Every structure is written in structure tokens, then in C-alpha cells.
PDB file of N, CA and C in Angstrom:
ATOM      1  N   MET A   1     132.167 104.507 118.751  1.00  0.00           N
ATOM      2  CA  MET A   1     131.238 103.633 118.084  1.00  0.00           C
ATOM      3  C   MET A   1     130.877 104.258 116.742  1.00  0.00           C
ATOM      4  N   GLY A   2     130.934 103.460 115.709  1.00  0.00           N
ATOM      5  CA  GLY A   2     130.664 103.955 114.375  1.00  0.00           C
ATOM      6  C   GLY A   2     129.188 103.913 114.014  1.00  0.00           C
ATOM      7  N   PHE A   3     128.923 104.416 112.827  1.00  0.00           N
ATOM      8  CA  PHE A   3     127.553 104.510 112.344  1.00  0.00           C
ATOM      9  C   PHE A   3     126.899 103.136 112.225  1.00  0.00           C
ATOM     10  N   THR A   4     127.618 102.169 111.675  1.00  0.00           N
ATOM     11  CA  THR A   4     127.015 100.847 111.488  1.00  0.00           C
ATOM     12  C   THR A   4     126.737 100.152 112.814  1.00  0.00           C
ATOM     13  N   GLU A   5     127.594 100.377 113.799  1.00  0.00           N
ATOM     14  CA  GLU A   5     127.361  99.770 115.105  1.00  0.00           C
ATOM     15  C   GLU A   5     126.110 100.340 115.763  1.00  0.00           C
ATOM     16  N   VAL A   6     125.957 101.665 115.691  1.00  0.00           N
ATOM     17  CA  VAL A   6     124.775 102.309 116.269  1.00  0.00           C
ATOM     18  C   VAL A   6     123.514 101.847 115.542  1.00  0.00           C
ATOM     19  N   LEU A   7     123.584 101.793 114.220  1.00  0.00           N
ATOM     20  CA  LEU A   7     122.441 101.348 113.433  1.00  0.00           C
ATOM     21  C   LEU A   7     122.064  99.909 113.766  1.00  0.00           C
ATOM     22  N   THR A   8     123.058  99.052 113.943  1.00  0.00           N
ATOM     23  CA  THR A   8     122.786  97.665 114.305  1.00  0.00           C
ATOM     24  C   THR A   8     122.123  97.566 115.678  1.00  0.00           C
ATOM     25  N   ILE A   9     122.617  98.333 116.639  1.00  0.00           N
ATOM     26  CA  ILE A   9     122.009  98.321 117.980  1.00  0.00           C
ATOM     27  C   ILE A   9     120.557  98.798 117.918  1.00  0.00           C
ATOM     28  N   ILE A  10     120.317  99.845 117.139  1.00  0.00           N
ATOM     29  CA  ILE A  10     118.938 100.326 116.989  1.00  0.00           C
ATOM     30  C   ILE A  10     118.054  99.251 116.376  1.00  0.00           C
ATOM     31  N   PHE A  11     118.541  98.596 115.335  1.00  0.00           N
ATOM     32  CA  PHE A  11     117.760  97.538 114.689  1.00  0.00           C
ATOM     33  C   PHE A  11     117.494  96.370 115.631  1.00  0.00           C
ATOM     34  N   ILE A  12     118.492  95.999 116.445  1.00  0.00           N
ATOM     35  CA  ILE A  12     118.306  94.892 117.388  1.00  0.00           C
ATOM     36  C   ILE A  12     117.256  95.248 118.431  1.00  0.00           C
ATOM     37  N   VAL A  13     117.319  96.467 118.957  1.00  0.00           N
ATOM     38  CA  VAL A  13     116.328  96.894 119.952  1.00  0.00           C
ATOM     39  C   VAL A  13     114.931  96.895 119.335  1.00  0.00           C
ATOM     40  N   LEU A  14     114.806  97.432 118.130  1.00  0.00           N
ATOM     41  CA  LEU A  14     113.500  97.447 117.462  1.00  0.00           C
ATOM     42  C   LEU A  14     112.991  96.033 117.189  1.00  0.00           C
ATOM     43  N   LYS A  15     113.885  95.133 116.840  1.00  0.00           N
ATOM     44  CA  LYS A  15     113.489  93.740 116.594  1.00  0.00           C
ATOM     45  C   LYS A  15     113.028  93.078 117.893  1.00  0.00           C
ATOM     46  N   LEU A  16     113.760  93.282 118.977  1.00  0.00           N
ATOM     47  CA  LEU A  16     113.395  92.657 120.249  1.00  0.00           C
ATOM     48  C   LEU A  16     112.108  93.231 120.829  1.00  0.00           C
ATOM     49  N   LEU A  17     111.797  94.471 120.510  1.00  0.00           N
ATOM     50  CA  LEU A  17     110.553  95.076 120.966  1.00  0.00           C
ATOM     51  C   LEU A  17     109.379  94.806 120.012  1.00  0.00           C
ATOM     52  N   ASN A  18     109.638  94.011 118.988  1.00  0.00           N
ATOM     53  CA  ASN A  18     108.633  93.649 117.972  1.00  0.00           C
ATOM     54  C   ASN A  18     108.065  94.867 117.252  1.00  0.00           C
ATOM     55  N   ILE A  19     108.860  95.887 117.085  1.00  0.00           N
ATOM     56  CA  ILE A  19     108.437  97.052 116.313  1.00  0.00           C
ATOM     57  C   ILE A  19     108.663  96.798 114.823  1.00  0.00           C
ATOM     58  N   ILE A  20     109.755  96.127 114.511  1.00  0.00           N
ATOM     59  CA  ILE A  20     109.996  95.718 113.125  1.00  0.00           C
ATOM     60  C   ILE A  20     109.918  94.212 113.048  1.00  0.00           C
ATOM     61  N   ASP A  21     109.482  93.732 111.914  1.00  0.00           N
ATOM     62  CA  ASP A  21     109.313  92.288 111.712  1.00  0.00           C
ATOM     63  C   ASP A  21     110.261  91.800 110.621  1.00  0.00           C
ATOM     64  N   TRP A  22     111.543  92.119 110.785  1.00  0.00           N
ATOM     65  CA  TRP A  22     112.550  91.712 109.815  1.00  0.00           C
ATOM     66  C   TRP A  22     113.199  90.434 110.305  1.00  0.00           C
ATOM     67  N   ASN A  23     113.812  89.697 109.363  1.00  0.00           N
ATOM     68  CA  ASN A  23     114.592  88.543 109.805  1.00  0.00           C
ATOM     69  C   ASN A  23     115.938  89.043 110.330  1.00  0.00           C
ATOM     70  N   TRP A  24     116.636  88.172 111.054  1.00  0.00           N
ATOM     71  CA  TRP A  24     117.869  88.585 111.723  1.00  0.00           C
ATOM     72  C   TRP A  24     118.968  88.962 110.737  1.00  0.00           C
ATOM     73  N   PHE A  25     118.936  88.383 109.557  1.00  0.00           N
ATOM     74  CA  PHE A  25     119.942  88.738 108.551  1.00  0.00           C
ATOM     75  C   PHE A  25     119.861  90.223 108.210  1.00  0.00           C
ATOM     76  N   LEU A  26     118.656  90.732 108.005  1.00  0.00           N
ATOM     77  CA  LEU A  26     118.495  92.155 107.695  1.00  0.00           C
ATOM     78  C   LEU A  26     118.850  93.041 108.882  1.00  0.00           C
ATOM     79  N   VAL A  27     118.567  92.561 110.083  1.00  0.00           N
ATOM     80  CA  VAL A  27     118.902  93.339 111.281  1.00  0.00           C
ATOM     81  C   VAL A  27     120.421  93.482 111.415  1.00  0.00           C
ATOM     82  N   LEU A  28     121.141  92.425 111.110  1.00  0.00           N
ATOM     83  CA  LEU A  28     122.595  92.431 111.260  1.00  0.00           C
ATOM     84  C   LEU A  28     123.333  92.842 109.987  1.00  0.00           C
ATOM     85  N   LEU A  29     122.604  93.160 108.930  1.00  0.00           N
ATOM     86  CA  LEU A  29     123.221  93.499 107.649  1.00  0.00           C
ATOM     87  C   LEU A  29     124.191  94.686 107.721  1.00  0.00           C
ATOM     88  N   PRO A  30     123.931  95.752 108.476  1.00  0.00           N
ATOM     89  CA  PRO A  30     124.939  96.826 108.551  1.00  0.00           C
ATOM     90  C   PRO A  30     126.293  96.338 109.067  1.00  0.00           C
ATOM     91  N   GLU A  31     126.291  95.456 110.044  1.00  0.00           N
ATOM     92  CA  GLU A  31     127.558  94.923 110.556  1.00  0.00           C
ATOM     93  C   GLU A  31     128.218  93.994 109.548  1.00  0.00           C
ATOM     94  N   ILE A  32     127.428  93.231 108.825  1.00  0.00           N
ATOM     95  CA  ILE A  32     127.976  92.337 107.802  1.00  0.00           C
ATOM     96  C   ILE A  32     128.642  93.156 106.707  1.00  0.00           C
ATOM     97  N   ILE A  33     127.989  94.246 106.295  1.00  0.00           N
ATOM     98  CA  ILE A  33     128.567  95.116 105.273  1.00  0.00           C
ATOM     99  C   ILE A  33     129.853  95.755 105.787  1.00  0.00           C
ATOM    100  N   ALA A  34     129.851  96.240 107.012  1.00  0.00           N
ATOM    101  CA  ALA A  34     131.052  96.862 107.587  1.00  0.00           C
ATOM    102  C   ALA A  34     132.194  95.855 107.680  1.00  0.00           C
ATOM    103  N   LEU A  35     131.894  94.646 108.121  1.00  0.00           N
ATOM    104  CA  LEU A  35     132.924  93.613 108.215  1.00  0.00           C
ATOM    105  C   LEU A  35     133.504  93.282 106.840  1.00  0.00           C
ATOM    106  N   THR A  36     132.655  93.217 105.840  1.00  0.00           N
ATOM    107  CA  THR A  36     133.122  92.940 104.483  1.00  0.00           C
ATOM    108  C   THR A  36     134.049  94.045 103.995  1.00  0.00           C
ATOM    109  N   ILE A  37     133.678  95.289 104.251  1.00  0.00           N
ATOM    110  CA  ILE A  37     134.534  96.407 103.838  1.00  0.00           C
ATOM    111  C   ILE A  37     135.864  96.370 104.576  1.00  0.00           C
ATOM    112  N   TYR A  38     135.843  96.079 105.881  1.00  0.00           N
ATOM    113  CA  TYR A  38     137.087  95.975 106.653  1.00  0.00           C
ATOM    114  C   TYR A  38     137.987  94.870 106.108  1.00  0.00           C
ATOM    115  N   LEU A  39     137.400  93.736 105.774  1.00  0.00           N
ATOM    116  CA  LEU A  39     138.190  92.630 105.239  1.00  0.00           C
ATOM    117  C   LEU A  39     138.798  92.972 103.885  1.00  0.00           C
ATOM    118  N   ILE A  40     138.051  93.666 103.045  1.00  0.00           N
ATOM    119  CA  ILE A  40     138.582  94.088 101.748  1.00  0.00           C
ATOM    120  C   ILE A  40     139.758  95.030 101.940  1.00  0.00           C
ATOM    121  N   ILE A  41     139.644  95.958 102.884  1.00  0.00           N
ATOM    122  CA  ILE A  41     140.731  96.896 103.161  1.00  0.00           C
ATOM    123  C   ILE A  41     141.973  96.156 103.655  1.00  0.00           C
ATOM    124  N   VAL A  42     141.791  95.158 104.516  1.00  0.00           N
ATOM    125  CA  VAL A  42     142.924  94.386 105.026  1.00  0.00           C
ATOM    126  C   VAL A  42     143.602  93.609 103.897  1.00  0.00           C
ATOM    127  N   VAL A  43     142.818  92.992 103.034  1.00  0.00           N
ATOM    128  CA  VAL A  43     143.392  92.226 101.917  1.00  0.00           C
ATOM    129  C   VAL A  43     144.159  93.148 100.980  1.00  0.00           C
ATOM    130  N   ILE A  44     143.603  94.313 100.671  1.00  0.00           N
ATOM    131  CA  ILE A  44     144.310  95.273  99.823  1.00  0.00           C
ATOM    132  C   ILE A  44     145.610  95.709 100.498  1.00  0.00           C
ATOM    133  N   GLY A  45     145.576  95.940 101.797  1.00  0.00           N
ATOM    134  CA  GLY A  45     146.779  96.321 102.531  1.00  0.00           C
ATOM    135  C   GLY A  45     147.852  95.243 102.487  1.00  0.00           C
ATOM    136  N   ILE A  46     147.446  93.995 102.607  1.00  0.00           N
ATOM    137  CA  ILE A  46     148.410  92.886 102.539  1.00  0.00           C
ATOM    138  C   ILE A  46     149.064  92.829 101.175  1.00  0.00           C
ATOM    139  N   PHE A  47     148.271  92.974 100.111  1.00  0.00           N
ATOM    140  CA  PHE A  47     148.838  92.946  98.766  1.00  0.00           C
ATOM    141  C   PHE A  47     149.760  94.137  98.520  1.00  0.00           C
ATOM    142  N   GLN A  48     149.402  95.311  99.036  1.00  0.00           N
ATOM    143  CA  GLN A  48     150.279  96.469  98.888  1.00  0.00           C
ATOM    144  C   GLN A  48     151.583  96.268  99.655  1.00  0.00           C
ATOM    145  N   TYR A  49     151.505  95.721 100.850  1.00  0.00           N
ATOM    146  CA  TYR A  49     152.710  95.452 101.638  1.00  0.00           C
ATOM    147  C   TYR A  49     153.633  94.488 100.897  1.00  0.00           C
ATOM    148  N   ARG A  50     153.047  93.422 100.345  1.00  0.00           N
ATOM    149  CA  ARG A  50     153.869  92.447  99.623  1.00  0.00           C
ATOM    150  C   ARG A  50     154.514  93.081  98.398  1.00  0.00           C
ATOM    151  N   SER A  51     153.784  93.935  97.700  1.00  0.00           N
ATOM    152  CA  SER A  51     154.315  94.597  96.514  1.00  0.00           C
ATOM    153  C   SER A  51     155.452  95.539  96.880  1.00  0.00           C
ATOM    154  N   ILE A  52     155.269  96.335  97.917  1.00  0.00           N
ATOM    155  CA  ILE A  52     156.312  97.270  98.346  1.00  0.00           C
ATOM    156  C   ILE A  52     157.525  96.507  98.856  1.00  0.00           C
ATOM    157  N   ASN A  53     157.302  95.439  99.614  1.00  0.00           N
ATOM    158  CA  ASN A  53     158.406  94.639 100.135  1.00  0.00           C
ATOM    159  C   ASN A  53     159.212  94.032  98.989  1.00  0.00           C
ATOM    160  N   LYS A  54     158.515  93.551  97.972  1.00  0.00           N
ATOM    161  CA  LYS A  54     159.191  92.963  96.816  1.00  0.00           C
ATOM    162  C   LYS A  54     160.019  94.026  96.087  1.00  0.00           C
ATOM    163  N   GLU A  55     159.485  95.224  95.966  1.00  0.00           N
ATOM    164  CA  GLU A  55     160.200  96.314  95.308  1.00  0.00           C
ATOM    165  C   GLU A  55     161.446  96.712  96.104  1.00  0.00           C
ATOM    166  N   PHE A  56     161.346  96.787  97.432  1.00  0.00           N
ATOM    167  CA  PHE A  56     162.512  97.104  98.260  1.00  0.00           C
ATOM    168  C   PHE A  56     163.583  96.025  98.135  1.00  0.00           C
ATOM    169  N   LYS A  57     163.174  94.776  98.090  1.00  0.00           N
ATOM    170  CA  LYS A  57     164.165  93.698  97.925  1.00  0.00           C
ATOM    171  C   LYS A  57     164.860  93.804  96.578  1.00  0.00           C
ATOM    172  N   ARG A  58     164.097  94.159  95.530  1.00  0.00           N
ATOM    173  CA  ARG A  58     164.689  94.300  94.202  1.00  0.00           C
ATOM    174  C   ARG A  58     165.701  95.441  94.197  1.00  0.00           C
ATOM    175  N   ILE A  59     165.357  96.573  94.819  1.00  0.00           N
ATOM    176  CA  ILE A  59     166.282  97.707  94.875  1.00  0.00           C
ATOM    177  C   ILE A  59     167.496  97.364  95.728  1.00  0.00           C
ATOM    178  N   LYS A  60     167.293  96.657  96.827  1.00  0.00           N
ATOM    179  CA  LYS A  60     168.402  96.276  97.712  1.00  0.00           C
ATOM    180  C   LYS A  60     169.369  95.336  97.002  1.00  0.00           C
ATOM    181  N   ASP A  61     168.844  94.392  96.235  1.00  0.00           N
ATOM    182  CA  ASP A  61     169.695  93.447  95.535  1.00  0.00           C
ATOM    183  C   ASP A  61     170.472  94.115  94.409  1.00  0.00           C
ATOM    184  N   LYS A  62     169.965  95.246  93.919  1.00  0.00           N
ATOM    185  CA  LYS A  62     170.627  95.971  92.848  1.00  0.00           C
ATOM    186  C   LYS A  62     171.939  96.581  93.325  1.00  0.00           C
ATOM    187  N   PHE A  63     171.967  97.003  94.597  1.00  0.00           N
ATOM    188  CA  PHE A  63     173.145  97.656  95.134  1.00  0.00           C
ATOM    189  C   PHE A  63     174.012  96.679  95.774  1.00  0.00           C
TER     190      PHE A  63
END
């Protein structure tokens, strides 16, 4: 379990126990940020894969 998951669980418990009076968006914000970062990494990986694949095809067609 990562840092953002633990932080989210702590925030949810505190919210359900009425210790913090935040809206649910702020409680779940660490997970939203983590998901956004994961999605950015996946998109960058897809673009890198396509670029490398295109380069290999260009080199293959040369020979």
C-alpha cells in the first residue's frame, strides 16, 4: 500500500468519525492526484512505445 492510499484511508476514517469537517473531494484528493499521475505516466509510455516502434519500422525498412 502506497503513501496516498494510507493517507486516503486516514482521511476517510477521520471524516467518518467527524473529526475533520472536509468535503469528500478533499478527503479523496490524494487518490485523485495519484490516479492523475498514473494516467500521465501511462500516456507518456504509450507515446514512447509508438515512437520507438516507428523508429524500428524505419530501420527495418532500410535493410
